[in-house]
Amino acid sequence: MMENELIKALITIVSFFNRTDRDKAFIKDAGVDLETTSFQLFATIGREQPTNVSELANMLGKSHSSVSRQIDKLEKKGLVKTKDGSKDARVRSIELSADGKKLKEVLDKTRMNNISKALDDWSDSEKDDLLKNLQHLATTLNGFEDTDSSK
C-alpha cells in the first residue's frame, strides 16, 4: 500500500516539473528569451554537459531528430556549442556556450527563489530531511537503473 502512495507522490512531482505551462511561466518569471519547447532540453544540457543527442533524446523521451533540430536552434541562438565527439566524429558533443552559461545562471537563480518561496513555511529540519531522503532516493534509483539494465 505504501508503495502505491510513493509512486503517486513521485508521479505528481515529475508531472509538476514536466508541464509546459509551468515552463512557460518559469521562463516569463526569469525574464529570459527562451522558447518553451527548448527549455527542458536547455536545462538538461546544463545539468549533463558535455552530452550528446542520443543521451538527451533518451533522457527526455524525444526522437533523435527532434532533439537534433532543437540543438541546432539553440546553437544558432548562441546558447550551446557542439563539436565532433572525440571517440566518434558522428556523435556531436554538446555543452553550453558562454551566453548559455549566463542564461543558466539566471534560470538557476530564479529556480532557487521559487523553491525558497515554496518551502518558506518548512522548518530547516524538514528541508534537511527532504534533502537527505531525495539524495537517498536518487542514489537508490541510479543503482537500480544500473543493475536493471543488465537483465
C-alpha atoms as a PDB file:
ATOM      1  CA  MET A   1       0.000   0.000   0.000  1.00  0.00           C
ATOM      2  CA  MET A   2       2.764   2.438   0.894  1.00  0.00           C
ATOM      3  CA  GLU A   3       4.456   1.765  -2.462  1.00  0.00           C
ATOM      4  CA  ASN A   4       1.324   2.973  -4.285  1.00  0.00           C
ATOM      5  CA  GLU A   5       1.394   6.213  -2.312  1.00  0.00           C
ATOM      6  CA  LEU A   6       5.114   6.644  -3.039  1.00  0.00           C
ATOM      7  CA  ILE A   7       4.545   6.118  -6.757  1.00  0.00           C
ATOM      8  CA  LYS A   8       1.608   8.541  -6.720  1.00  0.00           C
ATOM      9  CA  ALA A   9       3.738  11.208  -4.985  1.00  0.00           C
ATOM     10  CA  LEU A  10       6.626  10.665  -7.417  1.00  0.00           C
ATOM     11  CA  ILE A  11       4.324  10.954 -10.434  1.00  0.00           C
ATOM     12  CA  THR A  12       2.879  14.176  -9.010  1.00  0.00           C
ATOM     13  CA  ILE A  13       6.381  15.619  -8.615  1.00  0.00           C
ATOM     14  CA  VAL A  14       7.543  14.519 -12.071  1.00  0.00           C
ATOM     15  CA  SER A  15       4.349  15.864 -13.632  1.00  0.00           C
ATOM     16  CA  PHE A  16       4.885  19.191 -11.878  1.00  0.00           C
ATOM     17  CA  PHE A  17       8.318  19.551 -13.463  1.00  0.00           C
ATOM     18  CA  ASN A  18       7.264  18.291 -16.911  1.00  0.00           C
ATOM     19  CA  ARG A  19       4.345  20.664 -17.513  1.00  0.00           C
ATOM     20  CA  THR A  20       4.987  23.051 -20.395  1.00  0.00           C
ATOM     21  CA  ASP A  21       2.598  25.631 -18.919  1.00  0.00           C
ATOM     22  CA  ARG A  22       4.806  25.758 -15.805  1.00  0.00           C
ATOM     23  CA  ASP A  23       7.895  26.043 -18.027  1.00  0.00           C
ATOM     24  CA  LYS A  24       6.293  28.985 -19.824  1.00  0.00           C
ATOM     25  CA  ALA A  25       5.507  30.716 -16.506  1.00  0.00           C
ATOM     26  CA  PHE A  26       9.015  29.969 -15.224  1.00  0.00           C
ATOM     27  CA  ILE A  27      10.641  31.436 -18.354  1.00  0.00           C
ATOM     28  CA  LYS A  28       8.474  34.544 -18.012  1.00  0.00           C
ATOM     29  CA  ASP A  29       9.345  34.820 -14.307  1.00  0.00           C
ATOM     30  CA  ALA A  30      13.054  34.554 -15.158  1.00  0.00           C
ATOM     31  CA  GLY A  31      12.659  37.249 -17.822  1.00  0.00           C
ATOM     32  CA  VAL A  32      14.689  35.344 -20.406  1.00  0.00           C
ATOM     33  CA  ASP A  33      14.342  34.814 -24.152  1.00  0.00           C
ATOM     34  CA  LEU A  34      13.966  31.053 -24.473  1.00  0.00           C
ATOM     35  CA  GLU A  35      11.289  29.071 -26.292  1.00  0.00           C
ATOM     36  CA  THR A  36       9.216  26.819 -24.075  1.00  0.00           C
ATOM     37  CA  THR A  37       9.929  23.914 -26.430  1.00  0.00           C
ATOM     38  CA  SER A  38      13.677  24.353 -25.818  1.00  0.00           C
ATOM     39  CA  PHE A  39      13.542  24.893 -22.066  1.00  0.00           C
ATOM     40  CA  GLN A  40      13.749  21.293 -20.821  1.00  0.00           C
ATOM     41  CA  LEU A  41      16.416  20.464 -23.383  1.00  0.00           C
ATOM     42  CA  PHE A  42      18.470  23.521 -22.416  1.00  0.00           C
ATOM     43  CA  ALA A  43      18.142  22.726 -18.698  1.00  0.00           C
ATOM     44  CA  THR A  44      19.155  19.112 -19.300  1.00  0.00           C
ATOM     45  CA  ILE A  45      22.213  20.141 -21.312  1.00  0.00           C
ATOM     46  CA  GLY A  46      23.172  22.476 -18.464  1.00  0.00           C
ATOM     47  CA  ARG A  47      22.991  19.611 -15.955  1.00  0.00           C
ATOM     48  CA  GLU A  48      24.543  16.872 -18.088  1.00  0.00           C
ATOM     49  CA  GLN A  49      27.199  18.647 -20.141  1.00  0.00           C
ATOM     50  CA  PRO A  50      29.073  17.569 -22.045  1.00  0.00           C
ATOM     51  CA  THR A  51      26.412  15.341 -23.517  1.00  0.00           C
ATOM     52  CA  ASN A  52      25.189  14.191 -26.925  1.00  0.00           C
ATOM     53  CA  VAL A  53      21.972  13.961 -28.930  1.00  0.00           C
ATOM     54  CA  SER A  54      21.347  10.274 -28.190  1.00  0.00           C
ATOM     55  CA  GLU A  55      21.718  10.717 -24.433  1.00  0.00           C
ATOM     56  CA  LEU A  56      19.443  13.769 -24.474  1.00  0.00           C
ATOM     57  CA  ALA A  57      16.805  12.045 -26.600  1.00  0.00           C
ATOM     58  CA  ASN A  58      16.807   9.081 -24.234  1.00  0.00           C
ATOM     59  CA  MET A  59      16.566  11.242 -21.091  1.00  0.00           C
ATOM     60  CA  LEU A  60      13.790  13.439 -22.469  1.00  0.00           C
ATOM     61  CA  GLY A  61      11.819  10.729 -24.253  1.00  0.00           C
ATOM     62  CA  LYS A  62      12.070  12.550 -27.583  1.00  0.00           C
ATOM     63  CA  SER A  63      13.174  11.416 -31.013  1.00  0.00           C
ATOM     64  CA  HIS A  64      16.787  11.850 -32.067  1.00  0.00           C
ATOM     65  CA  SER A  65      15.763  14.124 -34.964  1.00  0.00           C
ATOM     66  CA  SER A  66      13.568  16.334 -32.750  1.00  0.00           C
ATOM     67  CA  VAL A  67      16.378  16.829 -30.225  1.00  0.00           C
ATOM     68  CA  SER A  68      18.889  17.455 -33.005  1.00  0.00           C
ATOM     69  CA  ARG A  69      16.661  20.189 -34.507  1.00  0.00           C
ATOM     70  CA  GLN A  70      16.242  21.862 -31.116  1.00  0.00           C
ATOM     71  CA  ILE A  71      20.001  21.757 -30.524  1.00  0.00           C
ATOM     72  CA  ASP A  72      20.546  23.412 -33.905  1.00  0.00           C
ATOM     73  CA  LYS A  73      18.156  26.197 -32.830  1.00  0.00           C
ATOM     74  CA  LEU A  74      19.950  26.627 -29.506  1.00  0.00           C
ATOM     75  CA  GLU A  75      23.287  26.715 -31.319  1.00  0.00           C
ATOM     76  CA  LYS A  76      22.044  29.383 -33.748  1.00  0.00           C
ATOM     77  CA  LYS A  77      20.935  31.463 -30.735  1.00  0.00           C
ATOM     78  CA  GLY A  78      24.478  31.105 -29.346  1.00  0.00           C
ATOM     79  CA  LEU A  79      23.363  29.196 -26.244  1.00  0.00           C
ATOM     80  CA  VAL A  80      25.124  25.895 -26.912  1.00  0.00           C
ATOM     81  CA  LYS A  81      28.195  24.802 -28.793  1.00  0.00           C
ATOM     82  CA  THR A  82      28.759  21.483 -30.457  1.00  0.00           C
ATOM     83  CA  LYS A  83      31.802  19.648 -31.703  1.00  0.00           C
ATOM     84  CA  ASP A  84      32.533  16.247 -33.120  1.00  0.00           C
ATOM     85  CA  GLY A  85      32.954  13.631 -30.430  1.00  0.00           C
ATOM     86  CA  SER A  86      36.492  12.602 -29.515  1.00  0.00           C
ATOM     87  CA  LYS A  87      35.744   8.854 -29.858  1.00  0.00           C
ATOM     88  CA  ASP A  88      33.294   9.034 -32.765  1.00  0.00           C
ATOM     89  CA  ALA A  89      33.021  12.021 -35.119  1.00  0.00           C
ATOM     90  CA  ARG A  90      29.382  11.129 -35.824  1.00  0.00           C
ATOM     91  CA  VAL A  91      28.493  11.854 -32.183  1.00  0.00           C
ATOM     92  CA  ARG A  92      28.287  15.587 -31.522  1.00  0.00           C
ATOM     93  CA  SER A  93      29.418  16.676 -28.074  1.00  0.00           C
ATOM     94  CA  ILE A  94      27.108  19.399 -26.737  1.00  0.00           C
ATOM     95  CA  GLU A  95      27.699  21.915 -23.981  1.00  0.00           C
ATOM     96  CA  LEU A  96      26.608  25.404 -23.015  1.00  0.00           C
ATOM     97  CA  SER A  97      28.329  28.383 -24.609  1.00  0.00           C
ATOM     98  CA  ALA A  98      29.378  31.409 -22.545  1.00  0.00           C
ATOM     99  CA  ASP A  99      25.966  33.008 -23.229  1.00  0.00           C
ATOM    100  CA  GLY A 100      24.279  29.713 -22.364  1.00  0.00           C
ATOM    101  CA  LYS A 101      26.116  29.620 -19.030  1.00  0.00           C
ATOM    102  CA  LYS A 102      24.909  33.160 -18.269  1.00  0.00           C
ATOM    103  CA  LEU A 103      21.337  32.152 -19.115  1.00  0.00           C
ATOM    104  CA  LYS A 104      21.682  29.059 -16.917  1.00  0.00           C
ATOM    105  CA  GLU A 105      22.768  31.276 -14.010  1.00  0.00           C
ATOM    106  CA  VAL A 106      19.615  33.391 -14.390  1.00  0.00           C
ATOM    107  CA  LEU A 107      17.445  30.273 -14.563  1.00  0.00           C
ATOM    108  CA  ASP A 108      19.206  28.721 -11.552  1.00  0.00           C
ATOM    109  CA  LYS A 109      18.696  31.900  -9.520  1.00  0.00           C
ATOM    110  CA  THR A 110      15.010  32.002 -10.467  1.00  0.00           C
ATOM    111  CA  ARG A 111      14.648  28.308  -9.591  1.00  0.00           C
ATOM    112  CA  MET A 112      16.280  28.907  -6.188  1.00  0.00           C
ATOM    113  CA  ASN A 113      13.980  31.862  -5.495  1.00  0.00           C
ATOM    114  CA  ASN A 114      10.926  29.812  -6.457  1.00  0.00           C
ATOM    115  CA  ILE A 115      11.850  26.803  -4.338  1.00  0.00           C
ATOM    116  CA  SER A 116      12.670  29.091  -1.399  1.00  0.00           C
ATOM    117  CA  LYS A 117       9.186  30.607  -1.683  1.00  0.00           C
ATOM    118  CA  ALA A 118       7.560  27.186  -1.995  1.00  0.00           C
ATOM    119  CA  LEU A 119       9.358  25.870   1.095  1.00  0.00           C
ATOM    120  CA  ASP A 120       9.141  29.106   3.067  1.00  0.00           C
ATOM    121  CA  ASP A 121       6.949  27.596   5.789  1.00  0.00           C
ATOM    122  CA  TRP A 122       9.089  24.449   6.111  1.00  0.00           C
ATOM    123  CA  SER A 123      11.485  24.227   9.059  1.00  0.00           C
ATOM    124  CA  ASP A 124      15.206  23.791   8.440  1.00  0.00           C
ATOM    125  CA  SER A 125      14.866  20.282   9.851  1.00  0.00           C
ATOM    126  CA  GLU A 126      12.100  19.426   7.356  1.00  0.00           C
ATOM    127  CA  LYS A 127      14.226  20.770   4.494  1.00  0.00           C
ATOM    128  CA  ASP A 128      17.230  18.748   5.703  1.00  0.00           C
ATOM    129  CA  ASP A 129      15.093  15.595   5.923  1.00  0.00           C
ATOM    130  CA  LEU A 130      13.731  16.176   2.419  1.00  0.00           C
ATOM    131  CA  LEU A 131      17.217  16.674   1.009  1.00  0.00           C
ATOM    132  CA  LYS A 132      18.581  13.536   2.669  1.00  0.00           C
ATOM    133  CA  ASN A 133      15.620  11.453   1.507  1.00  0.00           C
ATOM    134  CA  LEU A 134      15.757  12.781  -2.066  1.00  0.00           C
ATOM    135  CA  GLN A 135      19.505  12.143  -2.240  1.00  0.00           C
ATOM    136  CA  HIS A 136      18.954   8.627  -0.895  1.00  0.00           C
ATOM    137  CA  LEU A 137      16.202   8.015  -3.456  1.00  0.00           C
ATOM    138  CA  ALA A 138      18.367   9.360  -6.288  1.00  0.00           C
ATOM    139  CA  THR A 139      21.244   7.086  -5.269  1.00  0.00           C
ATOM    140  CA  THR A 140      18.906   4.107  -4.986  1.00  0.00           C
ATOM    141  CA  LEU A 141      17.295   4.728  -8.374  1.00  0.00           C
ATOM    142  CA  ASN A 142      20.669   5.229 -10.056  1.00  0.00           C
ATOM    143  CA  GLY A 143      21.835   1.917  -8.624  1.00  0.00           C
ATOM    144  CA  PHE A 144      18.603   0.207  -9.683  1.00  0.00           C
ATOM    145  CA  GLU A 145      18.947   1.585 -13.195  1.00  0.00           C
ATOM    146  CA  ASP A 146      22.460   0.163 -13.496  1.00  0.00           C
ATOM    147  CA  THR A 147      21.501  -3.303 -12.258  1.00  0.00           C
ATOM    148  CA  ASP A 148      18.137  -3.376 -14.040  1.00  0.00           C
ATOM    149  CA  SER A 149      19.640  -2.683 -17.481  1.00  0.00           C
ATOM    150  CA  SER A 150      21.862  -5.757 -17.218  1.00  0.00           C
ATOM    151  CA  LYS A 151      18.820  -8.086 -17.163  1.00  0.00           C
END
